[in-house]
Amino acid sequence: MSEGLSYANQLAISRTLTRIENDRSVAREIIGSLEERDYHVVGITGSPGAGKSTLTDRLALLSSKEKRTAIIAIDPSSPFTGGAFLGDRIRMKRSTKSEEIFVRSMASRGKVGGLSPSIYDAVEFLGRSGFDRIFVETVGAGQSETDIENLADVVLLVLAPGMGDDVQTMKAGIMEIGDIFAVNKMDLPGASQLAAKTEAILEMSGRKLPIVLTNSINGQGVEELHSLIEKALEELDSSGAIEEKRRRRTLYNNLNSVYQIIMEDFSENAKLEELMNYLLENRRLSDES
């Protein structure tokens, strides 16, 4: 079992993360003062309402039995304060009550791709602070969620029947980032059909990836899903592919730093912001080609 976090430790980490969110230069100083260490990032994305938060909650509990575990739940930004709505934390009751798991809500801040630059720093800080597994649950804004691929070692794509995911699975952008697929709410009609359709689409594109039926409410299928995630991480380590994942994460973190500096200097120039977002999106498409 991982070592539990005291209230004082939780408070200290939370305060440091607040400083990291608010000042990028301070973030780099804090991170630079900590030694590098190995850790893994699991990205969890999918359509709003697919049950990502509850599923993340259960996966983190399983992870925390052996690994020091943290969750970053990315919530939509408030249009008034710029902060997070904290909706995800309401659905993570087990993790928020556990002394074994650190949970932090962070605002997307309207960033294209759903990830603000400070999220990269927050992940690196938590990893260097001793956390072995960091789950990052995204807002779930559709195809723009592909940014999670640049941050996570393994991406879990969560689908659910009756939520338009039969159409969503046809969209190449969101399908191509998944390493493991969970068809959640398996008790609802159409779950098995959605799993079969997802498998067929993957096979058509030459990809054979794990697809698991889950019920995040009662936990059915979650242990199998957790085992698949751990197996995927072990394979990345043993093959050496994890190094490319980390190189990519560092690259995109640096690119986001440049983006933020430029946008702070020209924040009142709407046309420039539109241009920068266009360039970032085309950078992603170029990487995929």
Protein backbone atom coordinates (compact mmCIF):
# COMPACT_ATOMS: atom_id res chain seq x y z
CA MET A 1 0.00 0.00 0.00
CA SER A 2 1.21 3.51 -0.78
CA GLU A 3 2.09 5.89 2.02
CA GLY A 4 -0.86 8.02 3.04
CA LEU A 5 -0.85 11.80 2.74
CA SER A 6 -1.33 13.83 5.89
CA TYR A 7 -3.55 16.90 5.88
CA ALA A 8 -0.43 19.07 6.18
CA ASN A 9 1.11 17.40 3.12
CA GLN A 10 -2.09 17.79 1.14
CA LEU A 11 -2.30 21.46 2.09
CA ALA A 12 1.34 22.13 1.20
CA ILE A 13 0.99 20.46 -2.21
CA SER A 14 -2.24 22.36 -2.90
CA ARG A 15 -0.66 25.71 -2.05
CA THR A 16 2.34 24.98 -4.26
CA LEU A 17 0.06 24.01 -7.15
CA THR A 18 -1.78 27.31 -6.75
CA ARG A 19 1.53 29.15 -7.13
CA ILE A 20 2.35 27.01 -10.17
CA GLU A 21 -1.00 27.84 -11.77
CA ASN A 22 -0.65 31.55 -11.18
CA ASP A 23 2.97 32.18 -12.21
CA ARG A 24 4.82 30.20 -14.88
CA SER A 25 8.27 31.54 -13.92
CA VAL A 26 7.71 30.52 -10.30
CA ALA A 27 6.53 27.12 -11.55
CA ARG A 28 9.80 26.50 -13.39
CA GLU A 29 11.82 27.52 -10.31
CA ILE A 30 9.86 25.14 -8.08
CA ILE A 31 10.09 22.24 -10.51
CA GLY A 32 13.77 22.91 -11.17
CA SER A 33 14.50 22.57 -7.46
CA LEU A 34 13.17 18.99 -7.43
CA GLU A 35 15.03 15.95 -8.71
CA GLU A 36 13.75 14.16 -11.79
CA ARG A 37 12.17 10.76 -11.19
CA ASP A 38 10.10 8.19 -13.05
CA TYR A 39 6.32 8.45 -12.94
CA HIS A 40 3.42 7.67 -15.27
CA VAL A 41 0.58 9.81 -16.54
CA VAL A 42 -2.78 8.26 -17.48
CA GLY A 43 -5.06 10.50 -19.54
CA ILE A 44 -8.80 9.92 -19.35
CA THR A 45 -10.99 11.59 -21.96
CA GLY A 46 -14.32 11.15 -23.73
CA SER A 47 -17.69 12.76 -24.18
CA PRO A 48 -19.28 14.77 -21.34
CA GLY A 49 -21.57 12.53 -19.33
CA ALA A 50 -19.82 9.28 -20.26
CA GLY A 51 -18.88 8.69 -16.61
CA LYS A 52 -15.21 9.71 -16.77
CA SER A 53 -15.09 11.15 -13.25
CA THR A 54 -16.64 8.14 -11.52
CA LEU A 55 -14.42 5.80 -13.55
CA THR A 56 -11.32 7.85 -12.69
CA ASP A 57 -12.35 7.70 -9.04
CA ARG A 58 -12.44 3.89 -9.05
CA LEU A 59 -9.23 3.50 -11.08
CA ALA A 60 -7.35 5.80 -8.71
CA LEU A 61 -8.51 3.76 -5.70
CA LEU A 62 -7.15 0.57 -7.28
CA SER A 63 -3.91 2.32 -8.20
CA SER A 64 -3.43 3.71 -4.69
CA LYS A 65 -3.20 0.21 -3.21
CA GLU A 66 0.33 -0.09 -4.63
CA LYS A 67 1.29 3.30 -6.04
CA ARG A 68 1.34 6.85 -4.76
CA THR A 69 -1.56 8.29 -6.76
CA ALA A 70 -2.81 11.74 -7.73
CA ILE A 71 -5.71 13.01 -9.83
CA ILE A 72 -5.87 16.24 -11.80
CA ALA A 73 -9.48 16.82 -12.79
CA ILE A 74 -9.76 19.47 -15.49
CA ASP A 75 -13.03 21.35 -15.16
CA PRO A 76 -14.51 23.99 -17.47
CA SER A 77 -13.42 27.53 -16.61
CA SER A 78 -15.82 29.89 -14.92
CA PRO A 79 -16.52 32.80 -17.31
CA PHE A 80 -16.45 35.16 -14.31
CA THR A 81 -13.44 34.08 -12.22
CA GLY A 82 -11.48 31.90 -14.66
CA GLY A 83 -11.40 29.20 -11.98
CA ALA A 84 -12.68 25.63 -12.14
CA PHE A 85 -16.33 24.76 -11.53
CA LEU A 86 -15.21 21.77 -9.37
CA GLY A 87 -17.94 19.55 -10.81
CA ASP A 88 -15.61 16.57 -11.20
CA ARG A 89 -14.71 16.48 -7.50
CA ILE A 90 -18.37 15.96 -6.60
CA ARG A 91 -18.26 12.65 -8.51
CA MET A 92 -14.96 11.55 -6.93
CA LYS A 93 -16.22 11.03 -3.41
CA ARG A 94 -14.07 7.96 -2.73
CA SER A 95 -10.82 9.55 -3.85
CA THR A 96 -11.43 12.90 -2.16
CA LYS A 97 -12.03 11.08 1.15
CA SER A 98 -9.00 8.81 0.78
CA GLU A 99 -5.73 9.67 2.52
CA GLU A 100 -3.94 7.67 -0.17
CA ILE A 101 -4.94 9.92 -3.09
CA PHE A 102 -4.29 13.58 -3.83
CA VAL A 103 -7.05 15.24 -5.88
CA ARG A 104 -6.77 18.62 -7.56
CA SER A 105 -9.27 20.41 -9.80
CA MET A 106 -7.79 22.74 -12.39
CA ALA A 107 -9.51 25.05 -14.86
CA SER A 108 -9.16 24.53 -18.59
CA ARG A 109 -9.01 28.34 -18.94
CA GLY A 110 -10.42 28.10 -22.43
CA LYS A 111 -7.23 26.54 -23.80
CA VAL A 112 -7.51 24.87 -27.22
CA GLY A 113 -7.25 21.13 -26.60
CA GLY A 114 -8.62 21.45 -23.08
CA LEU A 115 -5.21 21.71 -21.39
CA SER A 116 -3.83 24.99 -20.10
CA PRO A 117 -0.01 25.36 -20.01
CA SER A 118 0.01 25.17 -16.19
CA ILE A 119 -1.36 21.61 -16.29
CA TYR A 120 1.92 20.36 -17.78
CA ASP A 121 3.79 22.02 -14.91
CA ALA A 122 1.35 20.64 -12.34
CA VAL A 123 1.88 17.09 -13.63
CA GLU A 124 5.66 17.47 -13.60
CA PHE A 125 5.58 18.90 -10.08
CA LEU A 126 3.45 16.03 -8.77
CA GLY A 127 5.69 13.47 -10.49
CA ARG A 128 8.85 14.95 -9.03
CA SER A 129 7.14 15.22 -5.63
CA GLY A 130 6.82 11.45 -5.37
CA PHE A 131 3.59 10.47 -7.10
CA ASP A 132 3.90 7.34 -9.24
CA ARG A 133 0.54 7.47 -11.04
CA ILE A 134 -1.06 10.74 -12.10
CA PHE A 135 -4.54 10.50 -13.61
CA VAL A 136 -5.53 13.50 -15.74
CA GLU A 137 -9.24 13.66 -16.53
CA THR A 138 -10.10 16.12 -19.28
CA VAL A 139 -13.18 18.30 -19.74
CA GLY A 140 -14.55 16.19 -22.55
CA ALA A 141 -15.05 18.76 -25.27
CA GLY A 142 -14.99 16.46 -28.31
CA GLN A 143 -12.21 16.30 -30.86
CA SER A 144 -10.27 19.16 -29.29
CA GLU A 145 -9.39 16.70 -26.51
CA THR A 146 -6.57 15.33 -28.64
CA ASP A 147 -4.15 17.54 -26.68
CA ILE A 148 -4.16 14.93 -23.91
CA GLU A 149 -2.05 12.67 -26.15
CA ASN A 150 0.88 15.06 -25.72
CA LEU A 151 0.68 14.85 -21.93
CA ALA A 152 -0.24 11.25 -21.10
CA ASP A 153 1.75 8.03 -21.40
CA VAL A 154 -1.47 6.07 -21.89
CA VAL A 155 -4.82 7.53 -22.99
CA LEU A 156 -8.10 5.92 -21.93
CA LEU A 157 -11.02 6.92 -24.14
CA VAL A 158 -14.37 6.54 -22.36
CA LEU A 159 -17.51 6.02 -24.44
CA ALA A 160 -21.10 5.41 -23.39
CA PRO A 161 -24.24 4.27 -25.24
CA GLY A 162 -27.04 6.68 -25.97
CA MET A 163 -24.83 9.78 -25.83
CA GLY A 164 -23.95 10.24 -29.46
CA ASP A 165 -20.82 8.12 -29.08
CA ASP A 166 -21.97 5.92 -31.95
CA VAL A 167 -21.33 9.01 -34.07
CA GLN A 168 -18.32 10.15 -32.04
CA THR A 169 -16.50 6.90 -32.75
CA MET A 170 -16.54 7.79 -36.42
CA LYS A 171 -14.44 10.89 -35.81
CA ALA A 172 -10.83 9.96 -36.52
CA GLY A 173 -9.25 12.64 -34.32
CA ILE A 174 -10.65 11.37 -31.05
CA MET A 175 -10.34 7.70 -32.03
CA GLU A 176 -6.67 7.91 -32.91
CA ILE A 177 -5.52 9.12 -29.50
CA GLY A 178 -6.99 6.20 -27.53
CA ASP A 179 -4.69 3.40 -26.33
CA ILE A 180 -7.44 1.66 -24.36
CA PHE A 181 -11.21 2.02 -24.80
CA ALA A 182 -13.84 1.74 -22.08
CA VAL A 183 -17.51 1.46 -22.99
CA ASN A 184 -18.99 2.66 -19.72
CA LYS A 185 -22.58 2.32 -18.45
CA MET A 186 -22.59 -1.25 -19.71
CA ASP A 187 -25.99 -1.81 -18.11
CA LEU A 188 -27.63 0.49 -20.66
CA PRO A 189 -29.06 -0.77 -23.96
CA GLY A 190 -26.63 -0.50 -26.84
CA ALA A 191 -23.40 -0.91 -24.83
CA SER A 192 -22.36 -4.18 -26.47
CA GLN A 193 -23.24 -2.81 -29.92
CA LEU A 194 -21.13 0.29 -29.27
CA ALA A 195 -18.19 -1.90 -28.23
CA ALA A 196 -18.56 -4.00 -31.39
CA LYS A 197 -18.80 -0.91 -33.59
CA THR A 198 -15.70 0.59 -31.94
CA GLU A 199 -13.79 -2.64 -32.50
CA ALA A 200 -14.83 -2.69 -36.17
CA ILE A 201 -13.73 0.91 -36.71
CA LEU A 202 -10.36 0.22 -35.10
CA GLU A 203 -9.83 -2.86 -37.24
CA MET A 204 -10.66 -0.87 -40.37
CA SER A 205 -7.87 1.54 -39.47
CA GLY A 206 -5.44 -1.32 -38.81
CA ARG A 207 -5.49 -0.98 -35.03
CA LYS A 208 -6.33 -3.72 -32.54
CA LEU A 209 -6.69 -2.18 -29.09
CA PRO A 210 -8.32 -3.30 -25.82
CA ILE A 211 -12.02 -2.50 -25.40
CA VAL A 212 -13.56 -3.07 -21.98
CA LEU A 213 -17.19 -2.89 -20.91
CA THR A 214 -17.47 -1.15 -17.53
CA ASN A 215 -19.98 0.10 -15.00
CA SER A 216 -18.32 2.82 -12.93
CA ILE A 217 -21.25 2.91 -10.50
CA ASN A 218 -20.93 -0.68 -9.25
CA GLY A 219 -17.32 -1.23 -10.35
CA GLN A 220 -17.99 -3.98 -12.86
CA GLY A 221 -15.11 -4.34 -15.32
CA VAL A 222 -12.98 -1.68 -13.61
CA GLU A 223 -10.38 -4.12 -12.24
CA GLU A 224 -9.86 -5.53 -15.73
CA LEU A 225 -9.50 -2.00 -17.07
CA HIS A 226 -6.97 -1.13 -14.37
CA SER A 227 -4.93 -4.24 -15.21
CA LEU A 228 -4.86 -3.28 -18.89
CA ILE A 229 -3.62 0.22 -18.05
CA GLU A 230 -0.84 -1.18 -15.86
CA LYS A 231 0.11 -3.70 -18.57
CA ALA A 232 0.31 -0.91 -21.18
CA LEU A 233 2.58 1.14 -18.91
CA GLU A 234 4.83 -1.87 -18.27
CA GLU A 235 5.13 -2.46 -22.02
CA LEU A 236 6.09 1.18 -22.58
CA ASP A 237 8.81 0.85 -19.95
CA SER A 238 10.19 -2.45 -21.19
CA SER A 239 10.22 -1.38 -24.85
CA GLY A 240 11.85 1.96 -24.16
CA ALA A 241 8.93 3.78 -25.84
CA ILE A 242 8.30 5.68 -22.61
CA GLU A 243 11.33 7.86 -23.38
CA GLU A 244 9.69 9.17 -26.55
CA LYS A 245 6.51 9.89 -24.57
CA ARG A 246 8.48 11.94 -22.05
CA ARG A 247 10.42 13.75 -24.76
CA ARG A 248 7.14 14.69 -26.42
CA ARG A 249 5.67 15.89 -23.11
CA THR A 250 8.70 18.13 -22.50
CA LEU A 251 8.53 19.49 -26.05
CA TYR A 252 4.86 20.44 -25.78
CA ASN A 253 5.39 21.89 -22.32
CA ASN A 254 8.08 24.18 -23.76
CA LEU A 255 5.91 25.10 -26.74
CA ASN A 256 3.07 25.96 -24.37
CA SER A 257 5.47 28.17 -22.40
CA VAL A 258 6.27 30.12 -25.56
CA TYR A 259 2.55 30.33 -26.37
CA GLN A 260 1.72 31.71 -22.93
CA ILE A 261 4.49 34.32 -23.04
CA ILE A 262 3.32 35.57 -26.42
CA MET A 263 -0.33 35.64 -25.38
CA GLU A 264 0.44 37.55 -22.18
CA ASP A 265 2.24 40.20 -24.20
CA PHE A 266 -0.53 40.44 -26.79
CA SER A 267 -3.56 39.45 -24.74
CA GLU A 268 -5.62 42.36 -26.05
CA ASN A 269 -4.96 41.50 -29.67
CA ALA A 270 -7.84 39.19 -30.62
CA LYS A 271 -6.57 38.62 -34.15
CA LEU A 272 -3.17 37.49 -32.87
CA GLU A 273 -4.79 35.10 -30.39
CA GLU A 274 -6.87 33.63 -33.21
CA LEU A 275 -3.71 33.22 -35.31
CA MET A 276 -1.78 31.54 -32.48
CA ASN A 277 -4.60 29.07 -31.87
CA TYR A 278 -4.70 28.32 -35.60
CA LEU A 279 -0.95 27.67 -35.65
CA LEU A 280 -1.15 25.38 -32.61
CA GLU A 281 -3.97 23.37 -34.15
CA ASN A 282 -2.05 22.98 -37.42
CA ARG A 283 1.03 21.97 -35.47
CA ARG A 284 -1.00 19.10 -34.03
CA LEU A 285 -2.34 18.09 -37.44
CA SER A 286 1.19 18.19 -38.85
CA ASP A 287 2.39 15.87 -36.07
CA GLU A 288 -0.39 13.39 -36.88
CA SER A 289 0.40 13.24 -40.61
